[in-house]
């Protein structure tokens, strides 16, 4: 019975899942930022290339 109570009080798995979700959210934010920046940079280089 004590093992069962200890099992339900153990929160280390929940903490690991929370860290995983935070890491995934940060990864999505980085990918979005790099994608937007890449498009902007590409447009700038195309404008400069056309001007030359």
PDB file of N, CA and C in Angstrom:
ATOM      1  N   UNK A   1       0.823  -1.198   0.000  1.00  0.00           N
ATOM      2  CA  UNK A   1       0.000   0.000   0.000  1.00  0.00           C
ATOM      3  C   UNK A   1       0.863   1.257   0.000  1.00  0.00           C
ATOM      4  N   UNK A   2       1.971   1.233   0.740  1.00  0.00           N
ATOM      5  CA  UNK A   2       2.861   2.395   0.786  1.00  0.00           C
ATOM      6  C   UNK A   2       3.498   2.651  -0.575  1.00  0.00           C
ATOM      7  N   UNK A   3       3.792   1.586  -1.311  1.00  0.00           N
ATOM      8  CA  UNK A   3       4.375   1.756  -2.647  1.00  0.00           C
ATOM      9  C   UNK A   3       3.390   2.442  -3.577  1.00  0.00           C
ATOM     10  N   UNK A   4       2.123   2.112  -3.449  1.00  0.00           N
ATOM     11  CA  UNK A   4       1.108   2.727  -4.283  1.00  0.00           C
ATOM     12  C   UNK A   4       0.960   4.210  -3.969  1.00  0.00           C
ATOM     13  N   UNK A   5       0.978   4.560  -2.696  1.00  0.00           N
ATOM     14  CA  UNK A   5       0.894   5.964  -2.285  1.00  0.00           C
ATOM     15  C   UNK A   5       2.121   6.722  -2.767  1.00  0.00           C
ATOM     16  N   UNK A   6       3.282   6.127  -2.637  1.00  0.00           N
ATOM     17  CA  UNK A   6       4.519   6.759  -3.091  1.00  0.00           C
ATOM     18  C   UNK A   6       4.499   6.956  -4.613  1.00  0.00           C
ATOM     19  N   UNK A   7       3.927   5.971  -5.329  1.00  0.00           N
ATOM     20  CA  UNK A   7       3.837   6.067  -6.784  1.00  0.00           C
ATOM     21  C   UNK A   7       2.983   7.265  -7.198  1.00  0.00           C
ATOM     22  N   UNK A   8       1.855   7.480  -6.539  1.00  0.00           N
ATOM     23  CA  UNK A   8       0.974   8.582  -6.905  1.00  0.00           C
ATOM     24  C   UNK A   8       1.526   9.943  -6.474  1.00  0.00           C
ATOM     25  N   UNK A   9       2.405   9.969  -5.488  1.00  0.00           N
ATOM     26  CA  UNK A   9       3.010  11.233  -5.055  1.00  0.00           C
ATOM     27  C   UNK A   9       4.220  11.619  -5.900  1.00  0.00           C
ATOM     28  N   UNK A  10       4.762  10.670  -6.646  1.00  0.00           N
ATOM     29  CA  UNK A  10       5.951  10.914  -7.461  1.00  0.00           C
ATOM     30  C   UNK A  10       5.572  11.821  -8.626  1.00  0.00           C
ATOM     31  N   UNK A  11       6.200  12.984  -8.719  1.00  0.00           N
ATOM     32  CA  UNK A  11       5.901  13.947  -9.770  1.00  0.00           C
ATOM     33  C   UNK A  11       7.058  14.137 -10.745  1.00  0.00           C
ATOM     34  N   UNK A  12       8.065  13.311 -10.698  1.00  0.00           N
ATOM     35  CA  UNK A  12       9.222  13.502 -11.570  1.00  0.00           C
ATOM     36  C   UNK A  12       8.857  13.301 -13.035  1.00  0.00           C
ATOM     37  N   UNK A  13       7.939  12.399 -13.335  1.00  0.00           N
ATOM     38  CA  UNK A  13       7.509  12.202 -14.715  1.00  0.00           C
ATOM     39  C   UNK A  13       6.790  13.428 -15.253  1.00  0.00           C
ATOM     40  N   UNK A  14       5.948  14.025 -14.431  1.00  0.00           N
ATOM     41  CA  UNK A  14       5.221  15.227 -14.849  1.00  0.00           C
ATOM     42  C   UNK A  14       6.189  16.374 -15.103  1.00  0.00           C
ATOM     43  N   UNK A  15       7.211  16.490 -14.291  1.00  0.00           N
ATOM     44  CA  UNK A  15       8.207  17.545 -14.476  1.00  0.00           C
ATOM     45  C   UNK A  15       8.952  17.347 -15.790  1.00  0.00           C
ATOM     46  N   UNK A  16       9.305  16.115 -16.096  1.00  0.00           N
ATOM     47  CA  UNK A  16      10.009  15.836 -17.349  1.00  0.00           C
ATOM     48  C   UNK A  16       9.132  16.184 -18.549  1.00  0.00           C
ATOM     49  N   UNK A  17       7.848  15.880 -18.461  1.00  0.00           N
ATOM     50  CA  UNK A  17       6.940  16.212 -19.556  1.00  0.00           C
ATOM     51  C   UNK A  17       6.820  17.723 -19.707  1.00  0.00           C
ATOM     52  N   UNK A  18       6.752  18.445 -18.607  1.00  0.00           N
ATOM     53  CA  UNK A  18       6.673  19.904 -18.674  1.00  0.00           C
ATOM     54  C   UNK A  18       7.921  20.488 -19.330  1.00  0.00           C
ATOM     55  N   UNK A  19       9.085  19.989 -18.963  1.00  0.00           N
ATOM     56  CA  UNK A  19      10.318  20.478 -19.598  1.00  0.00           C
ATOM     57  C   UNK A  19      10.325  20.149 -21.084  1.00  0.00           C
ATOM     58  N   UNK A  20       9.831  18.989 -21.440  1.00  0.00           N
ATOM     59  CA  UNK A  20       9.751  18.620 -22.853  1.00  0.00           C
ATOM     60  C   UNK A  20       8.832  19.544 -23.635  1.00  0.00           C
ATOM     61  N   UNK A  21       7.692  19.890 -23.040  1.00  0.00           N
ATOM     62  CA  UNK A  21       6.765  20.816 -23.706  1.00  0.00           C
ATOM     63  C   UNK A  21       7.363  22.207 -23.843  1.00  0.00           C
ATOM     64  N   UNK A  22       8.070  22.658 -22.832  1.00  0.00           N
ATOM     65  CA  UNK A  22       8.726  23.968 -22.906  1.00  0.00           C
ATOM     66  C   UNK A  22       9.790  23.964 -24.005  1.00  0.00           C
ATOM     67  N   UNK A  23      10.566  22.895 -24.084  1.00  0.00           N
ATOM     68  CA  UNK A  23      11.594  22.800 -25.120  1.00  0.00           C
ATOM     69  C   UNK A  23      10.965  22.789 -26.510  1.00  0.00           C
ATOM     70  N   UNK A  24       9.849  22.090 -26.662  1.00  0.00           N
ATOM     71  CA  UNK A  24       9.162  22.051 -27.955  1.00  0.00           C
ATOM     72  C   UNK A  24       8.630  23.428 -28.332  1.00  0.00           C
ATOM     73  N   UNK A  25       8.089  24.143 -27.364  1.00  0.00           N
ATOM     74  CA  UNK A  25       7.576  25.493 -27.623  1.00  0.00           C
ATOM     75  C   UNK A  25       8.704  26.432 -28.033  1.00  0.00           C
ATOM     76  N   UNK A  26       9.834  26.341 -27.378  1.00  0.00           N
ATOM     77  CA  UNK A  26      10.990  27.171 -27.735  1.00  0.00           C
ATOM     78  C   UNK A  26      11.476  26.822 -29.143  1.00  0.00           C
ATOM     79  N   UNK A  27      11.494  25.534 -29.474  1.00  0.00           N
ATOM     80  CA  UNK A  27      11.932  25.110 -30.808  1.00  0.00           C
ATOM     81  C   UNK A  27      11.001  25.666 -31.888  1.00  0.00           C
ATOM     82  N   UNK A  28       9.706  25.631 -31.650  1.00  0.00           N
ATOM     83  CA  UNK A  28       8.750  26.172 -32.625  1.00  0.00           C
ATOM     84  C   UNK A  28       8.961  27.674 -32.793  1.00  0.00           C
ATOM     85  N   UNK A  29       9.194  28.379 -31.692  1.00  0.00           N
ATOM     86  CA  UNK A  29       9.431  29.817 -31.770  1.00  0.00           C
ATOM     87  C   UNK A  29      10.702  30.119 -32.560  1.00  0.00           C
ATOM     88  N   UNK A  30      11.750  29.357 -32.337  1.00  0.00           N
ATOM     89  CA  UNK A  30      13.009  29.573 -33.061  1.00  0.00           C
ATOM     90  C   UNK A  30      12.827  29.286 -34.547  1.00  0.00           C
ATOM     91  N   UNK A  31      12.144  28.202 -34.872  1.00  0.00           N
ATOM     92  CA  UNK A  31      11.923  27.856 -36.282  1.00  0.00           C
ATOM     93  C   UNK A  31      11.110  28.939 -36.975  1.00  0.00           C
ATOM     94  N   UNK A  32      10.091  29.447 -36.296  1.00  0.00           N
ATOM     95  CA  UNK A  32       9.268  30.517 -36.878  1.00  0.00           C
ATOM     96  C   UNK A  32      10.093  31.781 -37.109  1.00  0.00           C
ATOM     97  N   UNK A  33      10.909  32.140 -36.138  1.00  0.00           N
ATOM     98  CA  UNK A  33      11.729  33.346 -36.254  1.00  0.00           C
ATOM     99  C   UNK A  33      12.751  33.216 -37.377  1.00  0.00           C
ATOM    100  N   UNK A  34      13.396  32.075 -37.467  1.00  0.00           N
ATOM    101  CA  UNK A  34      14.402  31.872 -38.515  1.00  0.00           C
ATOM    102  C   UNK A  34      13.745  31.858 -39.885  1.00  0.00           C
ATOM    103  N   UNK A  35      12.574  31.261 -39.974  1.00  0.00           N
ATOM    104  CA  UNK A  35      11.860  31.233 -41.249  1.00  0.00           C
ATOM    105  C   UNK A  35      11.491  32.646 -41.691  1.00  0.00           C
ATOM    106  N   UNK A  36      10.955  33.444 -40.788  1.00  0.00           N
ATOM    107  CA  UNK A  36      10.589  34.822 -41.126  1.00  0.00           C
ATOM    108  C   UNK A  36      11.817  35.649 -41.470  1.00  0.00           C
ATOM    109  N   UNK A  37      12.875  35.489 -40.719  1.00  0.00           N
ATOM    110  CA  UNK A  37      14.104  36.233 -40.977  1.00  0.00           C
ATOM    111  C   UNK A  37      14.726  35.812 -42.299  1.00  0.00           C
ATOM    112  N   UNK A  38      14.664  34.535 -42.611  1.00  0.00           N
ATOM    113  CA  UNK A  38      15.212  34.036 -43.876  1.00  0.00           C
ATOM    114  C   UNK A  38      14.482  34.617 -45.067  1.00  0.00           C
ATOM    115  N   UNK A  39      13.173  34.704 -44.985  1.00  0.00           N
ATOM    116  CA  UNK A  39      12.384  35.285 -46.073  1.00  0.00           C
ATOM    117  C   UNK A  39      12.719  36.762 -46.246  1.00  0.00           C
ATOM    118  N   UNK A  40      12.824  37.473 -45.145  1.00  0.00           N
ATOM    119  CA  UNK A  40      13.155  38.896 -45.194  1.00  0.00           C
ATOM    120  C   UNK A  40      14.548  39.104 -45.783  1.00  0.00           C
ATOM    121  N   UNK A  41      15.485  38.307 -45.365  1.00  0.00           N
ATOM    122  CA  UNK A  41      16.857  38.420 -45.861  1.00  0.00           C
ATOM    123  C   UNK A  41      16.913  38.085 -47.347  1.00  0.00           C
ATOM    124  N   UNK A  42      16.185  37.082 -47.763  1.00  0.00           N
ATOM    125  CA  UNK A  42      16.147  36.703 -49.175  1.00  0.00           C
ATOM    126  C   UNK A  42      15.585  37.835 -50.022  1.00  0.00           C
ATOM    127  N   UNK A  43      14.527  38.472 -49.547  1.00  0.00           N
ATOM    128  CA  UNK A  43      13.956  39.609 -50.284  1.00  0.00           C
ATOM    129  C   UNK A  43      14.953  40.754 -50.397  1.00  0.00           C
ATOM    130  N   UNK A  44      15.683  41.010 -49.332  1.00  0.00           N
ATOM    131  CA  UNK A  44      16.687  42.084 -49.343  1.00  0.00           C
ATOM    132  C   UNK A  44      17.797  41.787 -50.343  1.00  0.00           C
ATOM    133  N   UNK A  45      18.286  40.553 -50.349  1.00  0.00           N
ATOM    134  CA  UNK A  45      19.350  40.190 -51.303  1.00  0.00           C
ATOM    135  C   UNK A  45      18.850  40.260 -52.738  1.00  0.00           C
ATOM    136  N   UNK A  46      17.596  39.873 -52.956  1.00  0.00           N
ATOM    137  CA  UNK A  46      17.055  39.954 -54.321  1.00  0.00           C
ATOM    138  C   UNK A  46      16.939  41.405 -54.759  1.00  0.00           C
ATOM    139  N   UNK A  47      16.546  42.301 -53.881  1.00  0.00           N
ATOM    140  CA  UNK A  47      16.448  43.713 -54.208  1.00  0.00           C
ATOM    141  C   UNK A  47      17.827  44.282 -54.555  1.00  0.00           C
ATOM    142  N   UNK A  48      18.824  43.929 -53.783  1.00  0.00           N
ATOM    143  CA  UNK A  48      20.193  44.407 -54.045  1.00  0.00           C
ATOM    144  C   UNK A  48      20.709  43.834 -55.349  1.00  0.00           C
ATOM    145  N   UNK A  49      20.444  42.564 -55.611  1.00  0.00           N
ATOM    146  CA  UNK A  49      20.900  41.932 -56.848  1.00  0.00           C
ATOM    147  C   UNK A  49      20.243  42.580 -58.067  1.00  0.00           C
ATOM    148  N   UNK A  50      18.978  42.905 -57.956  1.00  0.00           N
ATOM    149  CA  UNK A  50      18.290  43.556 -59.079  1.00  0.00           C
ATOM    150  C   UNK A  50      18.800  44.982 -59.291  1.00  0.00           C
ATOM    151  N   UNK A  51      19.176  45.652 -58.226  1.00  0.00           N
ATOM    152  CA  UNK A  51      19.704  47.001 -58.347  1.00  0.00           C
ATOM    153  C   UNK A  51      21.073  47.017 -59.010  1.00  0.00           C
ATOM    154  N   UNK A  52      21.833  45.963 -58.776  1.00  0.00           N
ATOM    155  CA  UNK A  52      23.159  45.891 -59.404  1.00  0.00           C
ATOM    156  C   UNK A  52      23.033  45.532 -60.863  1.00  0.00           C
TER     157      UNK A  52
END
